[in-house]
């Protein structure tokens, strides 16, 4: 197993740590702790000065184009994105339309 380094942005003791045991002391039980592991000390140190927003929860999303199957996002379900026909509402399987609104958000 390779060595990891940990950046703690929000915790009891923010900083860069070289073991999970040290990191855990800073984040375990701390409300809304923000931390992440890195492969090198330099990466962890650099991330510590940039803020957690740049490193946590910001995975790049693949571009979806109408009429093109985007295999990067297909996991267990095979689907295809189609052009929206005029006068029809495009609804995704999560129940949200193309504007990000669910049925609960619409004034019917």
N, C-alpha and C. Protein backbone atom coordinates (compact mmCIF):
# COMPACT_ATOMS: atom_id res chain seq x y z
N UNK A 1 0.84 -1.18 0.00
CA UNK A 1 0.00 0.00 0.00
C UNK A 1 0.89 1.25 0.00
N UNK A 2 0.58 2.21 -0.86
CA UNK A 2 1.41 3.40 -0.98
C UNK A 2 1.10 4.39 0.15
N UNK A 3 2.08 5.21 0.43
CA UNK A 3 1.98 6.23 1.47
C UNK A 3 0.99 7.31 1.04
N UNK A 4 0.16 7.77 1.97
CA UNK A 4 -0.78 8.85 1.71
C UNK A 4 -0.50 10.02 2.64
N UNK A 5 -0.86 11.18 2.18
CA UNK A 5 -0.77 12.39 2.98
C UNK A 5 -2.16 13.01 3.01
N UNK A 6 -2.51 13.64 4.10
CA UNK A 6 -3.87 14.11 4.30
C UNK A 6 -3.89 15.61 4.57
N UNK A 7 -4.78 16.30 3.87
CA UNK A 7 -5.00 17.72 4.13
C UNK A 7 -6.31 17.84 4.89
N UNK A 8 -6.27 18.55 6.00
CA UNK A 8 -7.47 18.86 6.78
C UNK A 8 -7.68 20.37 6.68
N UNK A 9 -8.79 20.73 6.04
CA UNK A 9 -9.13 22.15 5.93
C UNK A 9 -9.98 22.58 7.13
N UNK A 10 -10.94 21.73 7.50
CA UNK A 10 -11.83 22.03 8.62
C UNK A 10 -11.79 20.85 9.57
N UNK A 11 -11.31 21.10 10.78
CA UNK A 11 -11.19 20.06 11.78
C UNK A 11 -10.63 20.67 13.05
N UNK A 12 -10.36 19.82 14.05
CA UNK A 12 -9.79 20.32 15.31
C UNK A 12 -8.43 20.98 15.07
N UNK A 13 -7.62 20.37 14.20
CA UNK A 13 -6.29 20.90 13.89
C UNK A 13 -6.10 20.89 12.38
N UNK A 14 -6.44 21.96 11.68
CA UNK A 14 -6.22 22.00 10.23
C UNK A 14 -4.72 21.90 9.91
N UNK A 15 -4.43 21.29 8.77
CA UNK A 15 -3.03 21.17 8.35
C UNK A 15 -2.83 19.95 7.47
N UNK A 16 -1.56 19.56 7.30
CA UNK A 16 -1.19 18.40 6.49
C UNK A 16 -0.63 17.34 7.43
N UNK A 17 -1.11 16.11 7.27
CA UNK A 17 -0.70 15.00 8.13
C UNK A 17 -0.15 13.87 7.28
N UNK A 18 0.75 13.08 7.85
CA UNK A 18 1.33 11.97 7.09
C UNK A 18 0.84 10.61 7.55
N UNK A 19 -0.22 10.59 8.37
CA UNK A 19 -0.82 9.31 8.76
C UNK A 19 -2.31 9.50 8.99
N UNK A 20 -3.05 8.41 8.76
CA UNK A 20 -4.49 8.47 9.01
C UNK A 20 -4.77 8.64 10.50
N UNK A 21 -3.97 8.04 11.35
CA UNK A 21 -4.18 8.15 12.80
C UNK A 21 -4.18 9.60 13.25
N UNK A 22 -3.22 10.39 12.76
CA UNK A 22 -3.15 11.82 13.10
C UNK A 22 -4.36 12.57 12.53
N UNK A 23 -4.68 12.25 11.28
CA UNK A 23 -5.80 12.91 10.60
C UNK A 23 -7.10 12.62 11.33
N UNK A 24 -7.28 11.36 11.70
CA UNK A 24 -8.52 10.95 12.37
C UNK A 24 -8.72 11.71 13.67
N UNK A 25 -7.65 11.97 14.40
CA UNK A 25 -7.77 12.73 15.65
C UNK A 25 -8.34 14.12 15.39
N UNK A 26 -8.00 14.69 14.24
CA UNK A 26 -8.45 16.03 13.90
C UNK A 26 -9.88 16.06 13.38
N UNK A 27 -10.32 14.99 12.69
CA UNK A 27 -11.62 15.06 12.01
C UNK A 27 -12.73 14.21 12.60
N UNK A 28 -12.39 13.13 13.29
CA UNK A 28 -13.41 12.22 13.80
C UNK A 28 -14.31 12.94 14.82
N UNK A 29 -15.60 12.94 14.52
CA UNK A 29 -16.57 13.58 15.40
C UNK A 29 -16.64 15.09 15.26
N UNK A 30 -15.82 15.67 14.40
CA UNK A 30 -15.85 17.11 14.20
C UNK A 30 -16.95 17.43 13.19
N UNK A 31 -17.87 18.32 13.53
CA UNK A 31 -18.98 18.62 12.63
C UNK A 31 -18.51 19.20 11.29
N UNK A 32 -18.97 18.59 10.20
CA UNK A 32 -18.66 19.05 8.84
C UNK A 32 -17.16 19.17 8.56
N UNK A 33 -16.39 18.22 9.06
CA UNK A 33 -14.95 18.21 8.80
C UNK A 33 -14.70 18.10 7.30
N UNK A 34 -13.68 18.77 6.82
CA UNK A 34 -13.31 18.75 5.41
C UNK A 34 -11.87 18.27 5.31
N UNK A 35 -11.67 17.12 4.65
CA UNK A 35 -10.33 16.55 4.52
C UNK A 35 -10.26 15.66 3.31
N UNK A 36 -9.05 15.40 2.83
CA UNK A 36 -8.84 14.56 1.66
C UNK A 36 -7.42 14.02 1.66
N UNK A 37 -7.25 12.82 1.08
CA UNK A 37 -5.92 12.23 0.98
C UNK A 37 -5.28 12.59 -0.36
N UNK A 38 -3.95 12.63 -0.37
CA UNK A 38 -3.17 12.92 -1.57
C UNK A 38 -2.00 11.95 -1.66
N UNK A 39 -1.48 11.76 -2.87
CA UNK A 39 -0.39 10.81 -3.09
C UNK A 39 0.96 11.33 -2.64
N UNK A 40 1.13 12.65 -2.62
CA UNK A 40 2.43 13.22 -2.21
C UNK A 40 2.22 14.33 -1.19
N UNK A 41 3.26 14.60 -0.43
CA UNK A 41 3.22 15.68 0.55
C UNK A 41 3.05 17.02 -0.15
N UNK A 42 3.73 17.20 -1.29
CA UNK A 42 3.63 18.47 -2.02
C UNK A 42 2.20 18.74 -2.49
N UNK A 43 1.51 17.71 -2.98
CA UNK A 43 0.12 17.89 -3.41
C UNK A 43 -0.77 18.25 -2.22
N UNK A 44 -0.57 17.58 -1.11
CA UNK A 44 -1.36 17.85 0.09
C UNK A 44 -1.10 19.27 0.59
N UNK A 45 0.14 19.68 0.59
CA UNK A 45 0.51 21.01 1.06
C UNK A 45 -0.08 22.09 0.15
N UNK A 46 0.03 21.87 -1.15
CA UNK A 46 -0.54 22.83 -2.11
C UNK A 46 -2.05 22.95 -1.94
N UNK A 47 -2.72 21.81 -1.76
CA UNK A 47 -4.17 21.81 -1.59
C UNK A 47 -4.58 22.55 -0.32
N UNK A 48 -3.75 22.47 0.70
CA UNK A 48 -4.10 23.10 1.98
C UNK A 48 -4.20 24.62 1.85
N UNK A 49 -3.50 25.20 0.89
CA UNK A 49 -3.54 26.65 0.70
C UNK A 49 -4.62 27.09 -0.28
N UNK A 50 -5.20 26.13 -1.01
CA UNK A 50 -6.17 26.47 -2.05
C UNK A 50 -7.62 26.44 -1.57
N UNK A 51 -7.90 25.79 -0.46
CA UNK A 51 -9.28 25.68 0.01
C UNK A 51 -9.91 24.39 -0.45
N UNK A 52 -10.79 23.84 0.37
CA UNK A 52 -11.37 22.52 0.09
C UNK A 52 -12.30 22.53 -1.11
N UNK A 53 -12.93 23.67 -1.43
CA UNK A 53 -13.90 23.71 -2.52
C UNK A 53 -13.30 23.25 -3.85
N UNK A 54 -12.03 23.49 -4.03
CA UNK A 54 -11.36 23.11 -5.28
C UNK A 54 -11.08 21.60 -5.33
N UNK A 55 -11.09 20.92 -4.19
CA UNK A 55 -10.66 19.53 -4.14
C UNK A 55 -11.73 18.53 -3.71
N UNK A 56 -12.80 19.00 -3.13
CA UNK A 56 -13.83 18.08 -2.64
C UNK A 56 -15.13 18.31 -3.40
N UNK A 57 -15.66 17.21 -3.97
CA UNK A 57 -16.96 17.27 -4.62
C UNK A 57 -17.02 18.00 -5.94
N UNK A 58 -15.91 18.18 -6.59
CA UNK A 58 -15.90 18.90 -7.86
C UNK A 58 -15.32 18.05 -8.98
N UNK A 59 -15.83 16.83 -9.11
CA UNK A 59 -15.36 15.98 -10.20
C UNK A 59 -15.92 16.53 -11.52
N UNK A 60 -15.09 16.62 -12.54
CA UNK A 60 -15.59 17.13 -13.82
C UNK A 60 -16.67 16.22 -14.38
N UNK A 61 -17.75 16.81 -14.86
CA UNK A 61 -18.85 16.06 -15.44
C UNK A 61 -18.66 15.96 -16.95
N UNK A 62 -18.86 14.78 -17.51
CA UNK A 62 -18.73 14.65 -18.96
C UNK A 62 -19.83 15.43 -19.67
N UNK A 63 -19.52 15.96 -20.83
CA UNK A 63 -20.49 16.72 -21.62
C UNK A 63 -21.48 15.74 -22.25
N UNK A 64 -22.76 16.06 -22.14
CA UNK A 64 -23.80 15.23 -22.74
C UNK A 64 -24.35 15.97 -23.95
N UNK A 65 -24.35 15.30 -25.08
CA UNK A 65 -24.85 15.89 -26.31
C UNK A 65 -26.09 15.14 -26.77
N UNK A 66 -27.13 15.86 -27.22
CA UNK A 66 -28.34 15.20 -27.70
C UNK A 66 -28.02 14.22 -28.83
N UNK A 67 -28.65 13.05 -28.78
CA UNK A 67 -28.49 12.07 -29.82
C UNK A 67 -27.22 11.25 -29.74
N UNK A 68 -26.42 11.46 -28.69
CA UNK A 68 -25.15 10.74 -28.55
C UNK A 68 -25.17 9.96 -27.25
N UNK A 69 -24.83 8.68 -27.32
CA UNK A 69 -24.72 7.88 -26.11
C UNK A 69 -23.41 8.24 -25.44
N UNK A 70 -23.50 8.66 -24.20
CA UNK A 70 -22.31 9.04 -23.44
C UNK A 70 -21.92 7.87 -22.56
N UNK A 71 -21.02 7.03 -23.04
CA UNK A 71 -20.65 5.82 -22.31
C UNK A 71 -19.88 6.12 -21.03
N UNK A 72 -19.36 7.32 -20.89
CA UNK A 72 -18.62 7.66 -19.67
C UNK A 72 -19.54 7.70 -18.47
N UNK A 73 -20.84 7.97 -18.68
CA UNK A 73 -21.76 8.06 -17.56
C UNK A 73 -22.64 6.83 -17.42
N UNK A 74 -22.55 5.90 -18.35
CA UNK A 74 -23.37 4.69 -18.28
C UNK A 74 -22.74 3.71 -17.32
N UNK A 75 -23.51 3.27 -16.34
CA UNK A 75 -23.02 2.29 -15.39
C UNK A 75 -23.80 1.00 -15.60
N UNK A 76 -24.87 0.78 -14.86
CA UNK A 76 -25.62 -0.46 -14.98
C UNK A 76 -26.78 -0.33 -15.96
N UNK A 77 -27.10 0.88 -16.37
CA UNK A 77 -28.25 1.10 -17.24
C UNK A 77 -27.77 1.62 -18.58
N UNK A 78 -28.31 1.08 -19.64
CA UNK A 78 -27.98 1.56 -20.97
C UNK A 78 -29.04 2.57 -21.37
N UNK A 79 -28.65 3.78 -21.73
CA UNK A 79 -29.59 4.80 -22.12
C UNK A 79 -29.01 5.63 -23.24
N UNK A 80 -29.87 6.42 -23.86
CA UNK A 80 -29.43 7.31 -24.92
C UNK A 80 -30.12 8.65 -24.72
N UNK A 81 -29.39 9.72 -24.97
CA UNK A 81 -29.95 11.06 -24.87
C UNK A 81 -30.53 11.41 -26.23
N UNK A 82 -31.77 11.89 -26.26
CA UNK A 82 -32.45 12.22 -27.51
C UNK A 82 -32.70 13.71 -27.60
N UNK A 83 -32.84 14.19 -28.82
CA UNK A 83 -33.25 15.58 -29.04
C UNK A 83 -34.63 15.78 -28.43
N UNK A 84 -34.84 16.93 -27.81
CA UNK A 84 -36.16 17.22 -27.26
C UNK A 84 -37.06 17.69 -28.38
N UNK A 85 -38.26 17.11 -28.48
CA UNK A 85 -39.21 17.50 -29.51
C UNK A 85 -39.96 18.74 -29.03
N UNK A 86 -40.24 19.68 -29.94
CA UNK A 86 -40.99 20.88 -29.55
C UNK A 86 -42.33 20.50 -28.93
N UNK A 87 -42.67 21.16 -27.85
CA UNK A 87 -43.93 20.91 -27.18
C UNK A 87 -43.92 19.74 -26.22
N UNK A 88 -42.78 19.07 -26.07
CA UNK A 88 -42.66 17.95 -25.15
C UNK A 88 -41.69 18.31 -24.04
N UNK A 89 -41.97 17.81 -22.86
CA UNK A 89 -41.12 18.05 -21.70
C UNK A 89 -40.11 16.90 -21.59
N UNK A 90 -38.84 17.21 -21.43
CA UNK A 90 -37.80 16.20 -21.25
C UNK A 90 -37.64 15.96 -19.76
N UNK A 91 -37.90 14.72 -19.31
CA UNK A 91 -37.81 14.38 -17.90
C UNK A 91 -36.79 13.27 -17.74
N UNK A 92 -35.88 13.44 -16.81
CA UNK A 92 -34.83 12.46 -16.55
C UNK A 92 -35.33 11.41 -15.56
N UNK A 93 -34.63 10.31 -15.46
CA UNK A 93 -35.08 9.22 -14.60
C UNK A 93 -35.04 9.58 -13.12
N UNK A 94 -34.34 10.63 -12.75
CA UNK A 94 -34.35 11.03 -11.34
C UNK A 94 -35.55 11.92 -11.03
N UNK A 95 -36.43 12.17 -12.04
CA UNK A 95 -37.64 12.95 -11.83
C UNK A 95 -37.47 14.43 -12.01
N UNK A 96 -36.30 14.87 -12.43
CA UNK A 96 -36.02 16.28 -12.61
C UNK A 96 -36.03 16.59 -14.10
N UNK A 97 -36.64 17.74 -14.48
CA UNK A 97 -36.67 18.09 -15.89
C UNK A 97 -35.38 18.79 -16.31
N UNK A 98 -35.32 19.23 -17.58
CA UNK A 98 -34.10 19.83 -18.10
C UNK A 98 -33.75 21.15 -17.44
N UNK A 99 -34.67 21.71 -16.65
CA UNK A 99 -34.42 22.96 -15.94
C UNK A 99 -34.03 22.72 -14.48
N UNK A 100 -33.94 21.45 -14.08
CA UNK A 100 -33.58 21.13 -12.71
C UNK A 100 -34.76 21.15 -11.74
N UNK A 101 -35.99 21.16 -12.27
CA UNK A 101 -37.18 21.21 -11.42
C UNK A 101 -37.83 19.85 -11.34
N UNK A 102 -38.27 19.48 -10.14
CA UNK A 102 -39.03 18.25 -9.96
C UNK A 102 -40.51 18.59 -9.98
N UNK A 103 -41.36 17.58 -9.98
CA UNK A 103 -42.81 17.80 -9.98
C UNK A 103 -43.24 18.62 -8.76
N UNK A 104 -42.53 18.48 -7.65
CA UNK A 104 -42.86 19.21 -6.43
C UNK A 104 -42.60 20.72 -6.58
N UNK A 105 -41.68 21.07 -7.50
CA UNK A 105 -41.30 22.46 -7.69
C UNK A 105 -42.19 23.20 -8.69
N UNK A 106 -43.01 22.46 -9.44
CA UNK A 106 -43.80 23.06 -10.52
C UNK A 106 -45.18 23.50 -10.04
N UNK A 107 -45.62 24.68 -10.46
CA UNK A 107 -46.95 25.18 -10.05
C UNK A 107 -48.04 24.64 -10.97
N UNK A 108 -48.51 23.42 -10.73
CA UNK A 108 -49.56 22.83 -11.56
C UNK A 108 -50.92 23.30 -11.10
